[in-house]
């Protein structure tokens, strides 16, 4: 929370990225959103409290990229209706 206070940015604007259950717990205890990308050492952890999780830092599958290119992604459709 020290960093949140020093930056004078609302806590709701932060996303903590962690690789351990301890880090996830600390972020959630501070009231911050937390995404998890486990490391080889923490892959067996219980990350159910995470707001988002990815198995690794690999690029998204090609199918996701294609959806963004052809306009079928939900984000693109949402911005077209504004």
N, C-alpha and C. Protein backbone atom coordinates (compact mmCIF):
# COMPACT_ATOMS: atom_id res chain seq x y z
N UNK A 1 0.82 -1.20 0.00
CA UNK A 1 0.00 0.00 0.00
C UNK A 1 0.86 1.25 0.00
N UNK A 2 2.09 1.12 0.38
CA UNK A 2 2.99 2.27 0.38
C UNK A 2 3.13 2.84 -1.03
N UNK A 3 3.29 1.97 -2.02
CA UNK A 3 3.43 2.44 -3.40
C UNK A 3 2.14 3.11 -3.88
N UNK A 4 1.01 2.55 -3.50
CA UNK A 4 -0.28 3.14 -3.88
C UNK A 4 -0.39 4.55 -3.31
N UNK A 5 -0.04 4.70 -2.05
CA UNK A 5 -0.10 6.01 -1.41
C UNK A 5 0.88 7.00 -2.04
N UNK A 6 2.08 6.56 -2.31
CA UNK A 6 3.09 7.46 -2.88
C UNK A 6 2.73 7.92 -4.28
N UNK A 7 2.10 7.04 -5.05
CA UNK A 7 1.74 7.40 -6.42
C UNK A 7 0.46 8.23 -6.49
N UNK A 8 -0.30 8.25 -5.39
CA UNK A 8 -1.56 9.00 -5.33
C UNK A 8 -2.51 8.59 -6.45
N UNK A 9 -2.57 7.29 -6.68
CA UNK A 9 -3.47 6.72 -7.68
C UNK A 9 -4.45 5.82 -6.93
N UNK A 10 -5.74 5.85 -7.28
CA UNK A 10 -6.70 4.99 -6.58
C UNK A 10 -6.31 3.51 -6.69
N UNK A 11 -6.48 2.77 -5.61
CA UNK A 11 -6.13 1.35 -5.58
C UNK A 11 -6.85 0.56 -6.66
N UNK A 12 -8.03 0.99 -7.04
CA UNK A 12 -8.80 0.29 -8.08
C UNK A 12 -8.12 0.34 -9.44
N UNK A 13 -7.15 1.22 -9.63
CA UNK A 13 -6.46 1.35 -10.91
C UNK A 13 -5.23 0.46 -11.01
N UNK A 14 -4.89 -0.25 -9.94
CA UNK A 14 -3.70 -1.09 -9.92
C UNK A 14 -4.04 -2.53 -10.26
N UNK A 15 -3.11 -3.20 -10.90
CA UNK A 15 -3.17 -4.64 -11.11
C UNK A 15 -1.80 -5.19 -10.72
N UNK A 16 -1.78 -5.97 -9.66
CA UNK A 16 -0.55 -6.60 -9.20
C UNK A 16 -0.37 -7.89 -9.98
N UNK A 17 0.83 -8.17 -10.46
CA UNK A 17 1.14 -9.42 -11.12
C UNK A 17 2.06 -10.21 -10.19
N UNK A 18 1.64 -11.41 -9.83
CA UNK A 18 2.38 -12.22 -8.88
C UNK A 18 2.61 -13.62 -9.43
N UNK A 19 3.57 -14.32 -8.80
CA UNK A 19 3.83 -15.70 -9.19
C UNK A 19 3.73 -16.65 -8.00
N UNK A 20 3.32 -16.14 -6.84
CA UNK A 20 3.25 -16.99 -5.65
C UNK A 20 1.95 -16.75 -4.89
N UNK A 21 1.59 -17.75 -4.10
CA UNK A 21 0.39 -17.63 -3.27
C UNK A 21 0.59 -16.52 -2.23
N UNK A 22 1.78 -16.42 -1.67
CA UNK A 22 2.05 -15.37 -0.69
C UNK A 22 1.88 -13.98 -1.30
N UNK A 23 2.38 -13.78 -2.49
CA UNK A 23 2.22 -12.50 -3.16
C UNK A 23 0.76 -12.21 -3.46
N UNK A 24 0.04 -13.23 -3.91
CA UNK A 24 -1.39 -13.08 -4.17
C UNK A 24 -2.12 -12.68 -2.90
N UNK A 25 -1.84 -13.36 -1.81
CA UNK A 25 -2.49 -13.05 -0.53
C UNK A 25 -2.18 -11.63 -0.08
N UNK A 26 -0.94 -11.19 -0.25
CA UNK A 26 -0.55 -9.84 0.14
C UNK A 26 -1.30 -8.80 -0.70
N UNK A 27 -1.39 -9.03 -1.99
CA UNK A 27 -2.10 -8.09 -2.87
C UNK A 27 -3.57 -8.01 -2.50
N UNK A 28 -4.19 -9.16 -2.28
CA UNK A 28 -5.62 -9.17 -1.93
C UNK A 28 -5.85 -8.54 -0.57
N UNK A 29 -4.94 -8.78 0.39
CA UNK A 29 -5.07 -8.17 1.72
C UNK A 29 -4.97 -6.65 1.64
N UNK A 30 -4.23 -6.16 0.65
CA UNK A 30 -4.09 -4.72 0.45
C UNK A 30 -5.26 -4.15 -0.35
N UNK A 31 -6.18 -5.01 -0.76
CA UNK A 31 -7.34 -4.55 -1.52
C UNK A 31 -7.06 -4.29 -2.99
N UNK A 32 -6.04 -4.93 -3.52
CA UNK A 32 -5.65 -4.72 -4.91
C UNK A 32 -6.03 -5.91 -5.78
N UNK A 33 -6.34 -5.66 -7.03
CA UNK A 33 -6.58 -6.73 -7.99
C UNK A 33 -5.25 -7.43 -8.27
N UNK A 34 -5.32 -8.73 -8.50
CA UNK A 34 -4.08 -9.48 -8.70
C UNK A 34 -4.23 -10.54 -9.77
N UNK A 35 -3.32 -10.51 -10.72
CA UNK A 35 -3.21 -11.55 -11.73
C UNK A 35 -2.04 -12.44 -11.38
N UNK A 36 -2.14 -13.71 -11.73
CA UNK A 36 -1.10 -14.68 -11.36
C UNK A 36 -0.55 -15.38 -12.59
N UNK A 37 0.76 -15.48 -12.63
CA UNK A 37 1.47 -16.29 -13.61
C UNK A 37 2.45 -17.13 -12.80
N UNK A 38 2.08 -18.36 -12.44
CA UNK A 38 2.93 -19.18 -11.58
C UNK A 38 4.28 -19.49 -12.23
N UNK A 39 5.29 -19.64 -11.39
CA UNK A 39 6.60 -20.07 -11.86
C UNK A 39 6.67 -21.58 -11.72
N UNK A 40 7.77 -22.15 -12.14
CA UNK A 40 7.95 -23.60 -11.99
C UNK A 40 7.89 -24.04 -10.54
N UNK A 41 8.33 -23.19 -9.64
CA UNK A 41 8.31 -23.52 -8.21
C UNK A 41 6.94 -23.36 -7.57
N UNK A 42 6.08 -22.50 -8.15
CA UNK A 42 4.79 -22.21 -7.51
C UNK A 42 3.60 -22.74 -8.28
N UNK A 43 3.83 -23.48 -9.35
CA UNK A 43 2.75 -23.94 -10.22
C UNK A 43 1.68 -24.76 -9.50
N UNK A 44 2.02 -25.43 -8.43
CA UNK A 44 1.04 -26.23 -7.70
C UNK A 44 0.25 -25.45 -6.67
N UNK A 45 0.45 -24.14 -6.61
CA UNK A 45 -0.21 -23.32 -5.60
C UNK A 45 -1.71 -23.18 -5.82
N UNK A 46 -2.38 -22.70 -4.79
CA UNK A 46 -3.83 -22.47 -4.83
C UNK A 46 -4.07 -21.01 -5.18
N UNK A 47 -4.40 -20.75 -6.43
CA UNK A 47 -4.55 -19.39 -6.92
C UNK A 47 -6.00 -19.00 -7.19
N UNK A 48 -6.92 -19.66 -6.50
CA UNK A 48 -8.35 -19.40 -6.72
C UNK A 48 -8.78 -17.97 -6.44
N UNK A 49 -8.08 -17.26 -5.59
CA UNK A 49 -8.46 -15.89 -5.25
C UNK A 49 -7.98 -14.87 -6.29
N UNK A 50 -7.21 -15.32 -7.27
CA UNK A 50 -6.68 -14.40 -8.29
C UNK A 50 -7.80 -13.84 -9.16
N UNK A 51 -7.64 -12.60 -9.57
CA UNK A 51 -8.60 -11.97 -10.47
C UNK A 51 -8.41 -12.46 -11.90
N UNK A 52 -7.21 -12.91 -12.20
CA UNK A 52 -6.89 -13.46 -13.52
C UNK A 52 -5.70 -14.38 -13.35
N UNK A 53 -5.58 -15.34 -14.24
CA UNK A 53 -4.45 -16.27 -14.18
C UNK A 53 -4.07 -16.71 -15.58
N UNK A 54 -2.79 -16.86 -15.79
CA UNK A 54 -2.25 -17.39 -17.05
C UNK A 54 -1.23 -18.44 -16.68
N UNK A 55 -1.12 -19.49 -17.47
CA UNK A 55 -0.16 -20.54 -17.14
C UNK A 55 1.29 -20.11 -17.38
N UNK A 56 1.49 -19.15 -18.28
CA UNK A 56 2.85 -18.70 -18.59
C UNK A 56 2.79 -17.39 -19.35
N UNK A 57 3.92 -16.91 -19.79
CA UNK A 57 3.99 -15.65 -20.53
C UNK A 57 3.96 -15.83 -22.05
N UNK A 58 3.63 -17.03 -22.49
CA UNK A 58 3.59 -17.30 -23.93
C UNK A 58 2.52 -16.44 -24.60
N UNK A 59 2.72 -16.11 -25.87
CA UNK A 59 1.70 -15.34 -26.60
C UNK A 59 0.37 -16.09 -26.63
N UNK A 60 -0.69 -15.33 -26.83
CA UNK A 60 -2.02 -15.93 -26.92
C UNK A 60 -2.09 -16.83 -28.15
N UNK A 61 -2.98 -17.82 -28.11
CA UNK A 61 -3.16 -18.69 -29.28
C UNK A 61 -3.55 -17.90 -30.52
N UNK A 62 -3.20 -18.42 -31.65
CA UNK A 62 -3.48 -17.74 -32.91
C UNK A 62 -4.96 -17.45 -33.10
N UNK A 63 -5.85 -18.30 -32.63
CA UNK A 63 -7.29 -18.10 -32.78
C UNK A 63 -7.71 -16.78 -32.14
N UNK A 64 -7.12 -16.42 -31.01
CA UNK A 64 -7.46 -15.15 -30.36
C UNK A 64 -7.01 -13.97 -31.21
N UNK A 65 -5.84 -14.09 -31.80
CA UNK A 65 -5.33 -13.02 -32.66
C UNK A 65 -6.21 -12.84 -33.88
N UNK A 66 -6.67 -13.94 -34.44
CA UNK A 66 -7.53 -13.88 -35.62
C UNK A 66 -8.84 -13.18 -35.29
N UNK A 67 -9.41 -13.45 -34.10
CA UNK A 67 -10.67 -12.82 -33.71
C UNK A 67 -10.51 -11.31 -33.63
N UNK A 68 -9.37 -10.84 -33.14
CA UNK A 68 -9.13 -9.41 -33.05
C UNK A 68 -8.99 -8.80 -34.44
N UNK A 69 -8.39 -9.53 -35.37
CA UNK A 69 -8.16 -9.01 -36.72
C UNK A 69 -9.45 -8.93 -37.55
N UNK A 70 -10.34 -9.92 -37.37
CA UNK A 70 -11.53 -9.93 -38.22
C UNK A 70 -12.72 -9.20 -37.59
N UNK A 71 -12.51 -8.58 -36.43
CA UNK A 71 -13.58 -7.79 -35.82
C UNK A 71 -14.52 -8.58 -34.96
N UNK A 72 -14.24 -9.85 -34.70
CA UNK A 72 -15.16 -10.65 -33.91
C UNK A 72 -14.85 -10.63 -32.42
N UNK A 73 -13.83 -9.88 -32.02
CA UNK A 73 -13.50 -9.84 -30.60
C UNK A 73 -14.54 -9.00 -29.86
N UNK A 74 -14.91 -9.39 -28.64
CA UNK A 74 -15.90 -8.63 -27.87
C UNK A 74 -15.49 -7.19 -27.64
N UNK A 75 -14.20 -6.94 -27.40
CA UNK A 75 -13.73 -5.58 -27.16
C UNK A 75 -13.98 -4.70 -28.39
N UNK A 76 -13.67 -5.23 -29.55
CA UNK A 76 -13.84 -4.45 -30.77
C UNK A 76 -15.33 -4.14 -31.00
N UNK A 77 -16.20 -5.14 -30.81
CA UNK A 77 -17.63 -4.93 -31.00
C UNK A 77 -18.15 -3.87 -30.02
N UNK A 78 -17.67 -3.90 -28.78
CA UNK A 78 -18.12 -2.96 -27.77
C UNK A 78 -17.75 -1.52 -28.14
N UNK A 79 -16.57 -1.31 -28.68
CA UNK A 79 -16.15 0.05 -29.02
C UNK A 79 -16.85 0.56 -30.27
N UNK A 80 -17.33 -0.33 -31.12
CA UNK A 80 -18.01 0.11 -32.33
C UNK A 80 -19.41 0.67 -32.01
N UNK A 81 -19.96 0.32 -30.86
CA UNK A 81 -21.31 0.76 -30.51
C UNK A 81 -21.34 2.07 -29.74
N UNK A 82 -20.19 2.66 -29.53
CA UNK A 82 -20.14 3.93 -28.78
C UNK A 82 -20.55 5.09 -29.61
